[in-house]
Amino acid sequence: HKQPTRAVERDGYRVRDYLSEWLSFWVREFGVDGFRADTVKHVEPAAWAQLRQQADQARRDWSRANPDDPFAGEPFWMVGEVFGHGPETSDYTANGFDALINFGFQDEVAGQASDCLRKAENSYAHYAGLLAGNPGHNFMSYASSHDTSLFFAGHQDLQRQRDLASALLLSPGAVQIYYGDESAR
């Protein structure tokens, strides 16, 4: 009952219905091409599937309305954060996610790969095997995040930070550069 909000009460709507409608508006109106969803495991899978379905339609609508945009026709992409999840497949992809964040990279690969890229060979082979053996599967690796730690804080070495950037960008799958990693903050 907070005023003034421009929210319009809709019969039969649940909170997730409003959220899906509002988020899809951003896609339809401004051409947003993807979401990073936080705390995915704390929301019903059907809510994510609903958001994805509406965002896909909104992206198609935006593409039709903006045919001259170089990104018109590109699909919507959604990545989820399931704390502690690794690069393995999961049921989340059946509910709208193209990828999940790979929490394993930071602890298992980043340190050794930033020291010597060859030390990441087994991990990269494992990642590549997961991608090749599961068409449509993807994951998104990172080196630092707000949920864990900053890589540079633990190493205090600019060359190692640069080598980490190379290791991250060369790793199989999608990657995320956390703001500040590019400047070793």
C-alpha atoms as a PDB file:
ATOM      1  CA  HIS A   1       0.000   0.000   0.000  1.00  0.00           C
ATOM      2  CA  LYS A   2       3.021   2.267  -0.352  1.00  0.00           C
ATOM      3  CA  GLN A   3       2.271   5.286  -2.512  1.00  0.00           C
ATOM      4  CA  PRO A   4       3.001   6.554  -5.074  1.00  0.00           C
ATOM      5  CA  THR A   5       4.417   3.551  -6.873  1.00  0.00           C
ATOM      6  CA  ARG A   6       2.856   3.141 -10.335  1.00  0.00           C
ATOM      7  CA  ALA A   7       2.352  -0.545  -9.498  1.00  0.00           C
ATOM      8  CA  VAL A   8      -0.987  -1.804 -10.692  1.00  0.00           C
ATOM      9  CA  GLU A   9      -2.676  -4.574  -8.761  1.00  0.00           C
ATOM     10  CA  ARG A  10      -3.425  -7.518 -11.022  1.00  0.00           C
ATOM     11  CA  ASP A  11      -5.882 -10.301 -10.235  1.00  0.00           C
ATOM     12  CA  GLY A  12      -4.203 -13.594  -9.471  1.00  0.00           C
ATOM     13  CA  TYR A  13      -0.671 -12.177  -9.490  1.00  0.00           C
ATOM     14  CA  ARG A  14       1.891 -13.466  -7.045  1.00  0.00           C
ATOM     15  CA  VAL A  15       5.089 -11.641  -6.134  1.00  0.00           C
ATOM     16  CA  ARG A  16       7.025 -13.604  -8.762  1.00  0.00           C
ATOM     17  CA  ASP A  17       4.508 -12.549 -11.429  1.00  0.00           C
ATOM     18  CA  TYR A  18       5.172  -8.884 -10.720  1.00  0.00           C
ATOM     19  CA  LEU A  19       8.923  -9.425 -10.634  1.00  0.00           C
ATOM     20  CA  SER A  20       8.928 -11.332 -13.934  1.00  0.00           C
ATOM     21  CA  GLU A  21       6.813  -8.648 -15.560  1.00  0.00           C
ATOM     22  CA  TRP A  22       9.006  -5.812 -14.295  1.00  0.00           C
ATOM     23  CA  LEU A  23      12.275  -7.501 -15.202  1.00  0.00           C
ATOM     24  CA  SER A  24      10.975  -8.413 -18.654  1.00  0.00           C
ATOM     25  CA  PHE A  25      10.040  -4.764 -19.159  1.00  0.00           C
ATOM     26  CA  TRP A  26      13.745  -3.883 -18.989  1.00  0.00           C
ATOM     27  CA  VAL A  27      14.485  -6.466 -21.673  1.00  0.00           C
ATOM     28  CA  ARG A  28      11.636  -5.356 -23.941  1.00  0.00           C
ATOM     29  CA  GLU A  29      12.181  -1.629 -23.468  1.00  0.00           C
ATOM     30  CA  PHE A  30      15.968  -1.318 -23.378  1.00  0.00           C
ATOM     31  CA  GLY A  31      17.320  -4.478 -25.005  1.00  0.00           C
ATOM     32  CA  VAL A  32      18.858  -5.996 -21.888  1.00  0.00           C
ATOM     33  CA  ASP A  33      20.292  -9.263 -23.166  1.00  0.00           C
ATOM     34  CA  GLY A  34      20.879 -11.190 -19.971  1.00  0.00           C
ATOM     35  CA  PHE A  35      20.565 -11.464 -16.223  1.00  0.00           C
ATOM     36  CA  ARG A  36      22.856 -12.678 -13.485  1.00  0.00           C
ATOM     37  CA  ALA A  37      20.507 -14.069 -10.869  1.00  0.00           C
ATOM     38  CA  ASP A  38      21.667 -14.115  -7.261  1.00  0.00           C
ATOM     39  CA  THR A  39      20.792 -16.705  -4.589  1.00  0.00           C
ATOM     40  CA  VAL A  40      19.095 -18.970  -7.105  1.00  0.00           C
ATOM     41  CA  LYS A  41      18.674 -21.892  -4.710  1.00  0.00           C
ATOM     42  CA  HIS A  42      16.413 -19.788  -2.475  1.00  0.00           C
ATOM     43  CA  VAL A  43      13.742 -19.283  -5.151  1.00  0.00           C
ATOM     44  CA  GLU A  44      11.382 -21.909  -6.550  1.00  0.00           C
ATOM     45  CA  PRO A  45      12.635 -23.323  -9.874  1.00  0.00           C
ATOM     46  CA  ALA A  46       9.279 -22.544 -11.501  1.00  0.00           C
ATOM     47  CA  ALA A  47       9.811 -18.838 -10.789  1.00  0.00           C
ATOM     48  CA  TRP A  48      13.121 -18.890 -12.699  1.00  0.00           C
ATOM     49  CA  ALA A  49      11.522 -20.790 -15.574  1.00  0.00           C
ATOM     50  CA  GLN A  50       8.737 -18.199 -15.719  1.00  0.00           C
ATOM     51  CA  LEU A  51      11.203 -15.313 -15.737  1.00  0.00           C
ATOM     52  CA  ARG A  52      13.202 -16.955 -18.500  1.00  0.00           C
ATOM     53  CA  GLN A  53      10.153 -17.568 -20.654  1.00  0.00           C
ATOM     54  CA  GLN A  54       8.999 -13.958 -20.320  1.00  0.00           C
ATOM     55  CA  ALA A  55      12.520 -12.569 -20.836  1.00  0.00           C
ATOM     56  CA  ASP A  56      12.962 -14.659 -24.001  1.00  0.00           C
ATOM     57  CA  GLN A  57       9.697 -13.272 -25.399  1.00  0.00           C
ATOM     58  CA  ALA A  58      10.656  -9.737 -24.376  1.00  0.00           C
ATOM     59  CA  ARG A  59      14.033 -10.114 -26.100  1.00  0.00           C
ATOM     60  CA  ARG A  60      12.307 -11.251 -29.307  1.00  0.00           C
ATOM     61  CA  ASP A  61       9.938  -8.271 -29.039  1.00  0.00           C
ATOM     62  CA  TRP A  62      12.864  -5.880 -28.588  1.00  0.00           C
ATOM     63  CA  SER A  63      14.695  -7.394 -31.571  1.00  0.00           C
ATOM     64  CA  ARG A  64      11.640  -6.950 -33.795  1.00  0.00           C
ATOM     65  CA  ALA A  65      11.296  -3.321 -32.673  1.00  0.00           C
ATOM     66  CA  ASN A  66      15.023  -2.623 -33.192  1.00  0.00           C
ATOM     67  CA  PRO A  67      16.021  -4.549 -36.337  1.00  0.00           C
ATOM     68  CA  ASP A  68      18.930  -2.221 -37.129  1.00  0.00           C
ATOM     69  CA  ASP A  69      20.646  -2.773 -33.795  1.00  0.00           C
ATOM     70  CA  PRO A  70      23.712  -5.007 -34.251  1.00  0.00           C
ATOM     71  CA  PHE A  71      22.509  -7.153 -31.341  1.00  0.00           C
ATOM     72  CA  ALA A  72      18.967  -7.633 -32.627  1.00  0.00           C
ATOM     73  CA  GLY A  73      18.279 -11.330 -32.932  1.00  0.00           C
ATOM     74  CA  GLU A  74      20.799 -12.296 -30.269  1.00  0.00           C
ATOM     75  CA  PRO A  75      19.246 -14.559 -27.634  1.00  0.00           C
ATOM     76  CA  PHE A  76      18.681 -13.750 -23.994  1.00  0.00           C
ATOM     77  CA  TRP A  77      21.233 -15.291 -21.603  1.00  0.00           C
ATOM     78  CA  MET A  78      20.775 -16.041 -17.915  1.00  0.00           C
ATOM     79  CA  VAL A  79      23.420 -17.118 -15.423  1.00  0.00           C
ATOM     80  CA  GLY A  80      22.689 -18.159 -11.858  1.00  0.00           C
ATOM     81  CA  GLU A  81      24.586 -17.983  -8.601  1.00  0.00           C
ATOM     82  CA  VAL A  82      24.225 -21.150  -6.543  1.00  0.00           C
ATOM     83  CA  PHE A  83      26.809 -20.688  -3.814  1.00  0.00           C
ATOM     84  CA  GLY A  84      29.376 -23.476  -3.859  1.00  0.00           C
ATOM     85  CA  HIS A  85      28.307 -24.941  -7.216  1.00  0.00           C
ATOM     86  CA  GLY A  86      31.102 -26.062  -9.523  1.00  0.00           C
ATOM     87  CA  PRO A  87      31.290 -26.558 -13.285  1.00  0.00           C
ATOM     88  CA  GLU A  88      29.149 -29.710 -13.318  1.00  0.00           C
ATOM     89  CA  THR A  89      25.725 -29.968 -14.923  1.00  0.00           C
ATOM     90  CA  SER A  90      22.603 -29.516 -12.818  1.00  0.00           C
ATOM     91  CA  ASP A  91      18.827 -29.300 -13.036  1.00  0.00           C
ATOM     92  CA  TYR A  92      18.963 -25.505 -12.959  1.00  0.00           C
ATOM     93  CA  THR A  93      19.469 -25.436 -16.725  1.00  0.00           C
ATOM     94  CA  ALA A  94      16.039 -27.042 -17.142  1.00  0.00           C
ATOM     95  CA  ASN A  95      14.582 -24.025 -15.351  1.00  0.00           C
ATOM     96  CA  GLY A  96      15.982 -21.224 -17.482  1.00  0.00           C
ATOM     97  CA  PHE A  97      19.692 -20.943 -16.783  1.00  0.00           C
ATOM     98  CA  ASP A  98      22.276 -21.041 -19.540  1.00  0.00           C
ATOM     99  CA  ALA A  99      25.059 -21.333 -16.977  1.00  0.00           C
ATOM    100  CA  LEU A 100      25.809 -21.327 -13.280  1.00  0.00           C
ATOM    101  CA  ILE A 101      28.730 -19.605 -11.637  1.00  0.00           C
ATOM    102  CA  ASN A 102      31.672 -21.959 -11.166  1.00  0.00           C
ATOM    103  CA  PHE A 103      32.774 -21.393  -7.585  1.00  0.00           C
ATOM    104  CA  GLY A 104      35.473 -24.045  -7.987  1.00  0.00           C
ATOM    105  CA  PHE A 105      37.714 -21.967 -10.253  1.00  0.00           C
ATOM    106  CA  GLN A 106      38.770 -19.502  -7.564  1.00  0.00           C
ATOM    107  CA  ASP A 107      39.829 -22.139  -5.038  1.00  0.00           C
ATOM    108  CA  GLU A 108      40.957 -24.969  -7.289  1.00  0.00           C
ATOM    109  CA  VAL A 109      42.435 -23.308 -10.383  1.00  0.00           C
ATOM    110  CA  ALA A 110      43.130 -19.574 -10.033  1.00  0.00           C
ATOM    111  CA  GLY A 111      46.128 -19.788  -7.721  1.00  0.00           C
ATOM    112  CA  GLN A 112      47.992 -22.473  -9.615  1.00  0.00           C
ATOM    113  CA  ALA A 113      47.073 -21.057 -13.044  1.00  0.00           C
ATOM    114  CA  SER A 114      48.285 -17.585 -12.072  1.00  0.00           C
ATOM    115  CA  ASP A 115      51.577 -19.117 -10.966  1.00  0.00           C
ATOM    116  CA  CYS A 116      52.020 -21.173 -14.156  1.00  0.00           C
ATOM    117  CA  LEU A 117      49.353 -21.704 -16.794  1.00  0.00           C
ATOM    118  CA  ARG A 118      50.566 -25.255 -17.373  1.00  0.00           C
ATOM    119  CA  LYS A 119      49.461 -26.115 -13.823  1.00  0.00           C
ATOM    120  CA  ALA A 120      45.854 -25.569 -14.931  1.00  0.00           C
ATOM    121  CA  GLU A 121      46.060 -28.120 -17.730  1.00  0.00           C
ATOM    122  CA  ASN A 122      44.172 -30.879 -15.896  1.00  0.00           C
ATOM    123  CA  SER A 123      41.450 -28.504 -14.732  1.00  0.00           C
ATOM    124  CA  TYR A 124      41.058 -27.025 -18.209  1.00  0.00           C
ATOM    125  CA  ALA A 125      40.823 -30.518 -19.693  1.00  0.00           C
ATOM    126  CA  HIS A 126      38.144 -31.400 -17.130  1.00  0.00           C
ATOM    127  CA  TYR A 127      36.208 -28.211 -17.946  1.00  0.00           C
ATOM    128  CA  ALA A 128      36.511 -28.800 -21.696  1.00  0.00           C
ATOM    129  CA  GLY A 129      35.304 -32.389 -21.232  1.00  0.00           C
ATOM    130  CA  LEU A 130      32.238 -31.240 -19.313  1.00  0.00           C
ATOM    131  CA  LEU A 131      31.372 -28.798 -22.105  1.00  0.00           C
ATOM    132  CA  ALA A 132      32.044 -31.241 -24.945  1.00  0.00           C
ATOM    133  CA  GLY A 133      30.193 -34.098 -23.271  1.00  0.00           C
ATOM    134  CA  ASN A 134      27.074 -32.082 -22.443  1.00  0.00           C
ATOM    135  CA  PRO A 135      25.783 -30.038 -25.383  1.00  0.00           C
ATOM    136  CA  GLY A 136      24.065 -26.894 -24.153  1.00  0.00           C
ATOM    137  CA  HIS A 137      25.899 -26.985 -20.811  1.00  0.00           C
ATOM    138  CA  ASN A 138      27.949 -23.984 -19.728  1.00  0.00           C
ATOM    139  CA  PHE A 139      29.344 -22.467 -16.556  1.00  0.00           C
ATOM    140  CA  MET A 140      30.910 -19.135 -15.687  1.00  0.00           C
ATOM    141  CA  SER A 141      34.252 -19.059 -13.873  1.00  0.00           C
ATOM    142  CA  TYR A 142      35.611 -16.139 -11.880  1.00  0.00           C
ATOM    143  CA  ALA A 143      38.660 -15.239  -9.800  1.00  0.00           C
ATOM    144  CA  SER A 144      37.162 -12.741  -7.333  1.00  0.00           C
ATOM    145  CA  SER A 145      33.687 -11.864  -6.150  1.00  0.00           C
ATOM    146  CA  HIS A 146      31.673 -10.109  -3.498  1.00  0.00           C
ATOM    147  CA  ASP A 147      30.708 -13.521  -2.097  1.00  0.00           C
ATOM    148  CA  THR A 148      34.231 -14.768  -1.563  1.00  0.00           C
ATOM    149  CA  SER A 149      37.526 -12.888  -1.680  1.00  0.00           C
ATOM    150  CA  LEU A 150      39.543 -10.657  -3.958  1.00  0.00           C
ATOM    151  CA  PHE A 151      42.377 -12.531  -5.615  1.00  0.00           C
ATOM    152  CA  PHE A 152      44.815  -9.632  -5.314  1.00  0.00           C
ATOM    153  CA  ALA A 153      44.163  -9.275  -1.584  1.00  0.00           C
ATOM    154  CA  GLY A 154      45.559 -12.749  -1.074  1.00  0.00           C
ATOM    155  CA  HIS A 155      48.609 -12.390  -3.316  1.00  0.00           C
ATOM    156  CA  GLN A 156      49.604  -8.689  -3.518  1.00  0.00           C
ATOM    157  CA  ASP A 157      51.486  -9.334  -6.773  1.00  0.00           C
ATOM    158  CA  LEU A 158      50.676  -7.341  -9.931  1.00  0.00           C
ATOM    159  CA  GLN A 159      52.352  -9.816 -12.279  1.00  0.00           C
ATOM    160  CA  ARG A 160      50.409 -12.659 -10.737  1.00  0.00           C
ATOM    161  CA  GLN A 161      47.205 -10.639 -11.160  1.00  0.00           C
ATOM    162  CA  ARG A 162      48.019 -10.181 -14.858  1.00  0.00           C
ATOM    163  CA  ASP A 163      48.763 -13.878 -15.226  1.00  0.00           C
ATOM    164  CA  LEU A 164      45.482 -14.651 -13.495  1.00  0.00           C
ATOM    165  CA  ALA A 165      43.626 -12.519 -16.042  1.00  0.00           C
ATOM    166  CA  SER A 166      45.174 -14.554 -18.851  1.00  0.00           C
ATOM    167  CA  ALA A 167      44.379 -17.830 -17.101  1.00  0.00           C
ATOM    168  CA  LEU A 168      40.773 -16.794 -16.516  1.00  0.00           C
ATOM    169  CA  LEU A 169      40.180 -15.563 -20.050  1.00  0.00           C
ATOM    170  CA  LEU A 170      41.715 -18.727 -21.513  1.00  0.00           C
ATOM    171  CA  SER A 171      39.698 -21.125 -19.373  1.00  0.00           C
ATOM    172  CA  PRO A 172      36.927 -23.140 -21.060  1.00  0.00           C
ATOM    173  CA  GLY A 173      33.378 -21.845 -20.577  1.00  0.00           C
ATOM    174  CA  ALA A 174      32.124 -18.358 -19.881  1.00  0.00           C
ATOM    175  CA  VAL A 175      34.092 -16.060 -17.589  1.00  0.00           C
ATOM    176  CA  GLN A 176      33.269 -13.134 -15.343  1.00  0.00           C
ATOM    177  CA  ILE A 177      35.667 -10.328 -14.562  1.00  0.00           C
ATOM    178  CA  TYR A 178      34.753  -8.925 -11.193  1.00  0.00           C
ATOM    179  CA  TYR A 179      35.058  -5.150 -11.035  1.00  0.00           C
ATOM    180  CA  GLY A 180      38.404  -4.224  -9.591  1.00  0.00           C
ATOM    181  CA  ASP A 181      40.230  -7.317 -10.801  1.00  0.00           C
ATOM    182  CA  GLU A 182      41.280  -5.444 -13.946  1.00  0.00           C
ATOM    183  CA  SER A 183      43.047  -2.836 -11.814  1.00  0.00           C
ATOM    184  CA  ALA A 184      44.249  -5.113  -8.966  1.00  0.00           C
ATOM    185  CA  ARG A 185      42.300  -3.140  -6.387  1.00  0.00           C
END
